[in-house]
PDB file of N, CA and C in Angstrom:
ATOM      1  N   UNK A   1    -100.050 -21.190 -29.487  1.00  0.00           N
ATOM      2  CA  UNK A   1    -101.285 -21.941 -29.507  1.00  0.00           C
ATOM      3  C   UNK A   1    -102.380 -21.007 -29.987  1.00  0.00           C
ATOM      4  N   UNK A   2    -103.152 -21.404 -30.985  1.00  0.00           N
ATOM      5  CA  UNK A   2    -104.254 -20.573 -31.476  1.00  0.00           C
ATOM      6  C   UNK A   2    -105.306 -20.354 -30.390  1.00  0.00           C
ATOM      7  N   UNK A   3    -106.040 -19.256 -30.518  1.00  0.00           N
ATOM      8  CA  UNK A   3    -107.028 -18.883 -29.503  1.00  0.00           C
ATOM      9  C   UNK A   3    -108.068 -19.971 -29.295  1.00  0.00           C
ATOM     10  N   UNK A   4    -108.502 -20.631 -30.385  1.00  0.00           N
ATOM     11  CA  UNK A   4    -109.537 -21.647 -30.211  1.00  0.00           C
ATOM     12  C   UNK A   4    -109.000 -22.862 -29.453  1.00  0.00           C
ATOM     13  N   UNK A   5    -107.722 -23.186 -29.633  1.00  0.00           N
ATOM     14  CA  UNK A   5    -107.131 -24.296 -28.871  1.00  0.00           C
ATOM     15  C   UNK A   5    -106.945 -23.906 -27.411  1.00  0.00           C
ATOM     16  N   UNK A   6    -106.602 -22.661 -27.162  1.00  0.00           N
ATOM     17  CA  UNK A   6    -106.398 -22.210 -25.786  1.00  0.00           C
ATOM     18  C   UNK A   6    -107.688 -22.349 -24.988  1.00  0.00           C
ATOM     19  N   UNK A   7    -108.810 -22.000 -25.607  1.00  0.00           N
ATOM     20  CA  UNK A   7    -110.083 -22.115 -24.910  1.00  0.00           C
ATOM     21  C   UNK A   7    -110.427 -23.565 -24.618  1.00  0.00           C
ATOM     22  N   UNK A   8    -110.113 -24.460 -25.549  1.00  0.00           N
ATOM     23  CA  UNK A   8    -110.415 -25.875 -25.359  1.00  0.00           C
ATOM     24  C   UNK A   8    -109.511 -26.493 -24.300  1.00  0.00           C
ATOM     25  N   UNK A   9    -108.264 -26.019 -24.244  1.00  0.00           N
ATOM     26  CA  UNK A   9    -107.320 -26.574 -23.271  1.00  0.00           C
ATOM     27  C   UNK A   9    -107.684 -26.123 -21.862  1.00  0.00           C
ATOM     28  N   UNK A  10    -108.154 -24.905 -21.748  1.00  0.00           N
ATOM     29  CA  UNK A  10    -108.553 -24.384 -20.444  1.00  0.00           C
ATOM     30  C   UNK A  10    -107.416 -24.398 -19.437  1.00  0.00           C
ATOM     31  N   UNK A  11    -107.768 -24.449 -18.189  1.00  0.00           N
ATOM     32  CA  UNK A  11    -106.781 -24.436 -17.120  1.00  0.00           C
ATOM     33  C   UNK A  11    -106.078 -25.771 -16.948  1.00  0.00           C
ATOM     34  N   UNK A  12    -106.597 -26.795 -17.576  1.00  0.00           N
ATOM     35  CA  UNK A  12    -105.991 -28.102 -17.381  1.00  0.00           C
ATOM     36  C   UNK A  12    -104.831 -28.360 -18.332  1.00  0.00           C
ATOM     37  N   UNK A  13    -104.528 -27.434 -19.237  1.00  0.00           N
ATOM     38  CA  UNK A  13    -103.404 -27.600 -20.143  1.00  0.00           C
ATOM     39  C   UNK A  13    -103.804 -28.343 -21.399  1.00  0.00           C
ATOM     40  N   UNK A  14    -102.842 -28.577 -22.279  1.00  0.00           N
ATOM     41  CA  UNK A  14    -103.121 -29.163 -23.585  1.00  0.00           C
ATOM     42  C   UNK A  14    -103.530 -30.619 -23.515  1.00  0.00           C
ATOM     43  N   UNK A  15    -102.965 -31.370 -22.598  1.00  0.00           N
ATOM     44  CA  UNK A  15    -103.175 -32.815 -22.578  1.00  0.00           C
ATOM     45  C   UNK A  15    -104.000 -33.266 -21.376  1.00  0.00           C
ATOM     46  N   UNK A  16    -104.782 -32.357 -20.829  1.00  0.00           N
ATOM     47  CA  UNK A  16    -105.647 -32.717 -19.721  1.00  0.00           C
ATOM     48  C   UNK A  16    -104.933 -32.822 -18.383  1.00  0.00           C
ATOM     49  N   UNK A  17    -103.668 -32.418 -18.344  1.00  0.00           N
ATOM     50  CA  UNK A  17    -102.924 -32.472 -17.088  1.00  0.00           C
ATOM     51  C   UNK A  17    -103.188 -31.193 -16.310  1.00  0.00           C
ATOM     52  N   UNK A  18    -103.506 -31.348 -15.060  1.00  0.00           N
ATOM     53  CA  UNK A  18    -103.795 -30.182 -14.236  1.00  0.00           C
ATOM     54  C   UNK A  18    -102.521 -29.374 -14.025  1.00  0.00           C
ATOM     55  N   UNK A  19    -102.659 -28.076 -14.134  1.00  0.00           N
ATOM     56  CA  UNK A  19    -101.529 -27.186 -13.866  1.00  0.00           C
ATOM     57  C   UNK A  19    -101.644 -26.693 -12.441  1.00  0.00           C
ATOM     58  N   UNK A  20    -100.556 -26.782 -11.718  1.00  0.00           N
ATOM     59  CA  UNK A  20    -100.519 -26.230 -10.365  1.00  0.00           C
ATOM     60  C   UNK A  20     -99.754 -24.916 -10.429  1.00  0.00           C
ATOM     61  N   UNK A  21    -100.138 -23.953  -9.619  1.00  0.00           N
ATOM     62  CA  UNK A  21     -99.371 -22.710  -9.620  1.00  0.00           C
ATOM     63  C   UNK A  21     -97.947 -22.998  -9.171  1.00  0.00           C
ATOM     64  N   UNK A  22     -96.997 -22.329  -9.807  1.00  0.00           N
ATOM     65  CA  UNK A  22     -95.610 -22.556  -9.395  1.00  0.00           C
ATOM     66  C   UNK A  22     -95.385 -21.846  -8.072  1.00  0.00           C
ATOM     67  N   UNK A  23     -94.668 -22.501  -7.216  1.00  0.00           N
ATOM     68  CA  UNK A  23     -94.375 -21.931  -5.907  1.00  0.00           C
ATOM     69  C   UNK A  23     -92.880 -21.761  -5.776  1.00  0.00           C
ATOM     70  N   UNK A  24     -92.457 -20.701  -5.098  1.00  0.00           N
ATOM     71  CA  UNK A  24     -91.020 -20.547  -4.891  1.00  0.00           C
ATOM     72  C   UNK A  24     -90.525 -21.614  -3.926  1.00  0.00           C
ATOM     73  N   UNK A  25     -89.247 -21.930  -3.968  1.00  0.00           N
ATOM     74  CA  UNK A  25     -88.713 -22.896  -3.007  1.00  0.00           C
ATOM     75  C   UNK A  25     -88.898 -22.389  -1.591  1.00  0.00           C
ATOM     76  N   UNK A  26     -88.816 -23.290  -0.628  1.00  0.00           N
ATOM     77  CA  UNK A  26     -89.048 -22.933   0.778  1.00  0.00           C
ATOM     78  C   UNK A  26     -88.158 -21.785   1.239  1.00  0.00           C
ATOM     79  N   UNK A  27     -86.953 -21.723   0.727  1.00  0.00           N
ATOM     80  CA  UNK A  27     -86.010 -20.710   1.177  1.00  0.00           C
ATOM     81  C   UNK A  27     -85.964 -19.508   0.249  1.00  0.00           C
ATOM     82  N   UNK A  28     -87.028 -19.253  -0.485  1.00  0.00           N
ATOM     83  CA  UNK A  28     -87.051 -18.153  -1.436  1.00  0.00           C
ATOM     84  C   UNK A  28     -86.710 -16.828  -0.770  1.00  0.00           C
ATOM     85  N   UNK A  29     -87.146 -16.631   0.454  1.00  0.00           N
ATOM     86  CA  UNK A  29     -86.912 -15.376   1.161  1.00  0.00           C
ATOM     87  C   UNK A  29     -85.634 -15.389   1.989  1.00  0.00           C
ATOM     88  N   UNK A  30     -84.835 -16.438   1.889  1.00  0.00           N
ATOM     89  CA  UNK A  30     -83.594 -16.528   2.657  1.00  0.00           C
ATOM     90  C   UNK A  30     -83.806 -16.959   4.094  1.00  0.00           C
ATOM     91  N   UNK A  31     -85.024 -17.357   4.429  1.00  0.00           N
ATOM     92  CA  UNK A  31     -85.319 -17.674   5.821  1.00  0.00           C
ATOM     93  C   UNK A  31     -84.565 -18.898   6.333  1.00  0.00           C
ATOM     94  N   UNK A  32     -84.309 -19.894   5.479  1.00  0.00           N
ATOM     95  CA  UNK A  32     -83.604 -21.077   5.964  1.00  0.00           C
ATOM     96  C   UNK A  32     -82.171 -20.755   6.364  1.00  0.00           C
ATOM     97  N   UNK A  33     -81.529 -19.842   5.654  1.00  0.00           N
ATOM     98  CA  UNK A  33     -80.177 -19.413   6.027  1.00  0.00           C
ATOM     99  C   UNK A  33     -80.230 -18.688   7.368  1.00  0.00           C
ATOM    100  N   UNK A  34     -81.207 -17.801   7.528  1.00  0.00           N
ATOM    101  CA  UNK A  34     -81.364 -17.096   8.798  1.00  0.00           C
ATOM    102  C   UNK A  34     -81.646 -18.070   9.942  1.00  0.00           C
ATOM    103  N   UNK A  35     -82.475 -19.061   9.681  1.00  0.00           N
ATOM    104  CA  UNK A  35     -82.798 -20.054  10.705  1.00  0.00           C
ATOM    105  C   UNK A  35     -81.532 -20.790  11.141  1.00  0.00           C
ATOM    106  N   UNK A  36     -80.701 -21.185  10.187  1.00  0.00           N
ATOM    107  CA  UNK A  36     -79.434 -21.839  10.530  1.00  0.00           C
ATOM    108  C   UNK A  36     -78.570 -20.938  11.401  1.00  0.00           C
ATOM    109  N   UNK A  37     -78.502 -19.660  11.045  1.00  0.00           N
ATOM    110  CA  UNK A  37     -77.697 -18.717  11.819  1.00  0.00           C
ATOM    111  C   UNK A  37     -78.275 -18.494  13.212  1.00  0.00           C
ATOM    112  N   UNK A  38     -79.599 -18.444  13.320  1.00  0.00           N
ATOM    113  CA  UNK A  38     -80.232 -18.270  14.634  1.00  0.00           C
ATOM    114  C   UNK A  38     -79.952 -19.482  15.512  1.00  0.00           C
ATOM    115  N   UNK A  39     -80.099 -20.670  14.980  1.00  0.00           N
ATOM    116  CA  UNK A  39     -79.828 -21.892  15.751  1.00  0.00           C
ATOM    117  C   UNK A  39     -78.380 -21.905  16.221  1.00  0.00           C
ATOM    118  N   UNK A  40     -77.468 -21.515  15.361  1.00  0.00           N
ATOM    119  CA  UNK A  40     -76.050 -21.461  15.735  1.00  0.00           C
ATOM    120  C   UNK A  40     -75.811 -20.433  16.842  1.00  0.00           C
ATOM    121  N   UNK A  41     -76.461 -19.263  16.723  1.00  0.00           N
ATOM    122  CA  UNK A  41     -76.311 -18.225  17.745  1.00  0.00           C
ATOM    123  C   UNK A  41     -76.898 -18.677  19.078  1.00  0.00           C
ATOM    124  N   UNK A  42     -78.023 -19.378  19.035  1.00  0.00           N
ATOM    125  CA  UNK A  42     -78.629 -19.900  20.262  1.00  0.00           C
ATOM    126  C   UNK A  42     -77.693 -20.918  20.899  1.00  0.00           C
ATOM    127  N   UNK A  43     -77.132 -21.790  20.081  1.00  0.00           N
ATOM    128  CA  UNK A  43     -76.207 -22.814  20.577  1.00  0.00           C
ATOM    129  C   UNK A  43     -75.009 -22.182  21.282  1.00  0.00           C
ATOM    130  N   UNK A  44     -74.513 -21.060  20.747  1.00  0.00           N
ATOM    131  CA  UNK A  44     -73.349 -20.410  21.348  1.00  0.00           C
ATOM    132  C   UNK A  44     -73.716 -19.355  22.390  1.00  0.00           C
ATOM    133  N   UNK A  45     -75.005 -19.090  22.573  1.00  0.00           N
ATOM    134  CA  UNK A  45     -75.452 -18.146  23.588  1.00  0.00           C
ATOM    135  C   UNK A  45     -75.190 -16.689  23.235  1.00  0.00           C
ATOM    136  N   UNK A  46     -75.166 -16.361  21.969  1.00  0.00           N
ATOM    137  CA  UNK A  46     -74.877 -15.008  21.492  1.00  0.00           C
ATOM    138  C   UNK A  46     -76.171 -14.198  21.398  1.00  0.00           C
ATOM    139  N   UNK A  47     -76.559 -13.586  22.513  1.00  0.00           N
ATOM    140  CA  UNK A  47     -77.840 -12.885  22.603  1.00  0.00           C
ATOM    141  C   UNK A  47     -77.991 -11.745  21.600  1.00  0.00           C
ATOM    142  N   UNK A  48     -76.944 -10.971  21.390  1.00  0.00           N
ATOM    143  CA  UNK A  48     -77.044  -9.831  20.461  1.00  0.00           C
ATOM    144  C   UNK A  48     -77.290 -10.314  19.032  1.00  0.00           C
ATOM    145  N   UNK A  49     -76.602 -11.368  18.631  1.00  0.00           N
ATOM    146  CA  UNK A  49     -76.799 -11.912  17.291  1.00  0.00           C
ATOM    147  C   UNK A  49     -78.188 -12.520  17.159  1.00  0.00           C
ATOM    148  N   UNK A  50     -78.649 -13.201  18.199  1.00  0.00           N
ATOM    149  CA  UNK A  50     -79.995 -13.784  18.185  1.00  0.00           C
ATOM    150  C   UNK A  50     -81.029 -12.681  17.954  1.00  0.00           C
ATOM    151  N   UNK A  51     -80.947 -11.598  18.704  1.00  0.00           N
ATOM    152  CA  UNK A  51     -81.912 -10.489  18.565  1.00  0.00           C
ATOM    153  C   UNK A  51     -81.855  -9.879  17.174  1.00  0.00           C
ATOM    154  N   UNK A  52     -80.647  -9.673  16.652  1.00  0.00           N
ATOM    155  CA  UNK A  52     -80.499  -9.070  15.316  1.00  0.00           C
ATOM    156  C   UNK A  52     -81.098  -9.979  14.246  1.00  0.00           C
ATOM    157  N   UNK A  53     -80.787 -11.269  14.313  1.00  0.00           N
ATOM    158  CA  UNK A  53     -81.280 -12.203  13.304  1.00  0.00           C
ATOM    159  C   UNK A  53     -82.792 -12.406  13.405  1.00  0.00           C
ATOM    160  N   UNK A  54     -83.322 -12.435  14.623  1.00  0.00           N
ATOM    161  CA  UNK A  54     -84.768 -12.569  14.786  1.00  0.00           C
ATOM    162  C   UNK A  54     -85.509 -11.370  14.195  1.00  0.00           C
ATOM    163  N   UNK A  55     -84.931 -10.184  14.348  1.00  0.00           N
ATOM    164  CA  UNK A  55     -85.554  -8.987  13.773  1.00  0.00           C
ATOM    165  C   UNK A  55     -85.588  -9.080  12.250  1.00  0.00           C
ATOM    166  N   UNK A  56     -84.505  -9.557  11.656  1.00  0.00           N
ATOM    167  CA  UNK A  56     -84.467  -9.714  10.199  1.00  0.00           C
ATOM    168  C   UNK A  56     -85.475 -10.780   9.758  1.00  0.00           C
ATOM    169  N   UNK A  57     -85.496 -11.906  10.473  1.00  0.00           N
ATOM    170  CA  UNK A  57     -86.425 -12.982  10.128  1.00  0.00           C
ATOM    171  C   UNK A  57     -87.876 -12.515  10.258  1.00  0.00           C
ATOM    172  N   UNK A  58     -88.186 -11.806  11.318  1.00  0.00           N
ATOM    173  CA  UNK A  58     -89.556 -11.339  11.541  1.00  0.00           C
ATOM    174  C   UNK A  58     -90.016 -10.396  10.427  1.00  0.00           C
ATOM    175  N   UNK A  59     -89.095  -9.635   9.861  1.00  0.00           N
ATOM    176  CA  UNK A  59     -89.452  -8.682   8.818  1.00  0.00           C
ATOM    177  C   UNK A  59     -89.739  -9.351   7.481  1.00  0.00           C
ATOM    178  N   UNK A  60     -89.185 -10.539   7.250  1.00  0.00           N
ATOM    179  CA  UNK A  60     -89.348 -11.135   5.912  1.00  0.00           C
ATOM    180  C   UNK A  60     -89.979 -12.511   5.891  1.00  0.00           C
ATOM    181  N   UNK A  61     -90.125 -13.152   7.031  1.00  0.00           N
ATOM    182  CA  UNK A  61     -90.575 -14.544   7.052  1.00  0.00           C
ATOM    183  C   UNK A  61     -92.097 -14.651   7.087  1.00  0.00           C
ATOM    184  N   UNK A  62     -92.575 -15.792   6.613  1.00  0.00           N
ATOM    185  CA  UNK A  62     -93.989 -16.105   6.749  1.00  0.00           C
ATOM    186  C   UNK A  62     -94.154 -17.071   7.930  1.00  0.00           C
ATOM    187  N   UNK A  63     -95.364 -17.457   8.200  1.00  0.00           N
ATOM    188  CA  UNK A  63     -95.631 -18.317   9.359  1.00  0.00           C
ATOM    189  C   UNK A  63     -94.931 -19.671   9.228  1.00  0.00           C
ATOM    190  N   UNK A  64     -94.808 -20.173   8.009  1.00  0.00           N
ATOM    191  CA  UNK A  64     -94.129 -21.460   7.801  1.00  0.00           C
ATOM    192  C   UNK A  64     -92.664 -21.383   8.232  1.00  0.00           C
ATOM    193  N   UNK A  65     -92.014 -20.259   7.946  1.00  0.00           N
ATOM    194  CA  UNK A  65     -90.615 -20.090   8.360  1.00  0.00           C
ATOM    195  C   UNK A  65     -90.507 -20.053   9.878  1.00  0.00           C
ATOM    196  N   UNK A  66     -91.464 -19.426  10.528  1.00  0.00           N
ATOM    197  CA  UNK A  66     -91.434 -19.376  11.998  1.00  0.00           C
ATOM    198  C   UNK A  66     -91.628 -20.767  12.595  1.00  0.00           C
ATOM    199  N   UNK A  67     -92.484 -21.563  11.983  1.00  0.00           N
ATOM    200  CA  UNK A  67     -92.647 -22.941  12.451  1.00  0.00           C
ATOM    201  C   UNK A  67     -91.380 -23.764  12.199  1.00  0.00           C
ATOM    202  N   UNK A  68     -90.695 -23.506  11.060  1.00  0.00           N
ATOM    203  CA  UNK A  68     -89.428 -24.205  10.801  1.00  0.00           C
ATOM    204  C   UNK A  68     -88.390 -23.828  11.846  1.00  0.00           C
ATOM    205  N   UNK A  69     -88.344 -22.549  12.224  1.00  0.00           N
ATOM    206  CA  UNK A  69     -87.416 -22.113  13.277  1.00  0.00           C
ATOM    207  C   UNK A  69     -87.730 -22.825  14.581  1.00  0.00           C
ATOM    208  N   UNK A  70     -88.989 -22.871  14.929  1.00  0.00           N
ATOM    209  CA  UNK A  70     -89.390 -23.548  16.170  1.00  0.00           C
ATOM    210  C   UNK A  70     -88.950 -25.010  16.167  1.00  0.00           C
ATOM    211  N   UNK A  71     -89.182 -25.691  15.044  1.00  0.00           N
ATOM    212  CA  UNK A  71     -88.806 -27.098  14.940  1.00  0.00           C
ATOM    213  C   UNK A  71     -87.296 -27.279  15.022  1.00  0.00           C
ATOM    214  N   UNK A  72     -86.540 -26.425  14.341  1.00  0.00           N
ATOM    215  CA  UNK A  72     -85.081 -26.522  14.370  1.00  0.00           C
ATOM    216  C   UNK A  72     -84.542 -26.280  15.772  1.00  0.00           C
ATOM    217  N   UNK A  73     -85.102 -25.292  16.480  1.00  0.00           N
ATOM    218  CA  UNK A  73     -84.653 -25.037  17.851  1.00  0.00           C
ATOM    219  C   UNK A  73     -84.992 -26.211  18.759  1.00  0.00           C
ATOM    220  N   UNK A  74     -86.167 -26.777  18.569  1.00  0.00           N
ATOM    221  CA  UNK A  74     -86.563 -27.941  19.358  1.00  0.00           C
ATOM    222  C   UNK A  74     -85.658 -29.134  19.057  1.00  0.00           C
ATOM    223  N   UNK A  75     -85.369 -29.357  17.779  1.00  0.00           N
ATOM    224  CA  UNK A  75     -84.495 -30.465  17.395  1.00  0.00           C
ATOM    225  C   UNK A  75     -83.084 -30.302  17.938  1.00  0.00           C
ATOM    226  N   UNK A  76     -82.656 -29.054  18.063  1.00  0.00           N
ATOM    227  CA  UNK A  76     -81.281 -28.776  18.500  1.00  0.00           C
ATOM    228  C   UNK A  76     -81.142 -28.704  20.016  1.00  0.00           C
ATOM    229  N   UNK A  77     -82.258 -28.677  20.733  1.00  0.00           N
ATOM    230  CA  UNK A  77     -82.209 -28.531  22.203  1.00  0.00           C
ATOM    231  C   UNK A  77     -81.593 -29.785  22.825  1.00  0.00           C
ATOM    232  N   UNK A  78     -80.764 -29.551  23.848  1.00  0.00           N
ATOM    233  CA  UNK A  78     -80.188 -30.719  24.550  1.00  0.00           C
ATOM    234  C   UNK A  78     -81.305 -31.517  25.234  1.00  0.00           C
ATOM    235  N   UNK A  79     -81.168 -32.800  25.211  1.00  0.00           N
ATOM    236  CA  UNK A  79     -82.153 -33.697  25.846  1.00  0.00           C
ATOM    237  C   UNK A  79     -81.604 -34.187  27.181  1.00  0.00           C
ATOM    238  N   UNK A  80     -82.425 -34.106  28.171  1.00  0.00           N
ATOM    239  CA  UNK A  80     -82.001 -34.652  29.471  1.00  0.00           C
ATOM    240  C   UNK A  80     -82.472 -36.111  29.524  1.00  0.00           C
ATOM    241  N   UNK A  81     -81.721 -36.897  30.169  1.00  0.00           N
ATOM    242  CA  UNK A  81     -82.158 -38.277  30.171  1.00  0.00           C
ATOM    243  C   UNK A  81     -81.406 -39.092  31.052  1.00  0.00           C
TER     244      UNK A  81
END
């Protein structure tokens, strides 16, 4: 694209469509796999594995991953009734 067209297109792109920044998928950091493993370890009561996986998750996860873990653990908890 020539320089003069680039200036006219601006941040909205060539056809006036807004460009959104590309975002990595939710599991870009591998946190969803770790969350699955943590939930499985909690279900089986494997304390050593839970501690190891939580340490790995804490080192690489963002707050959204921690909220996903919380939700998954809550969803997996036995319900009394």
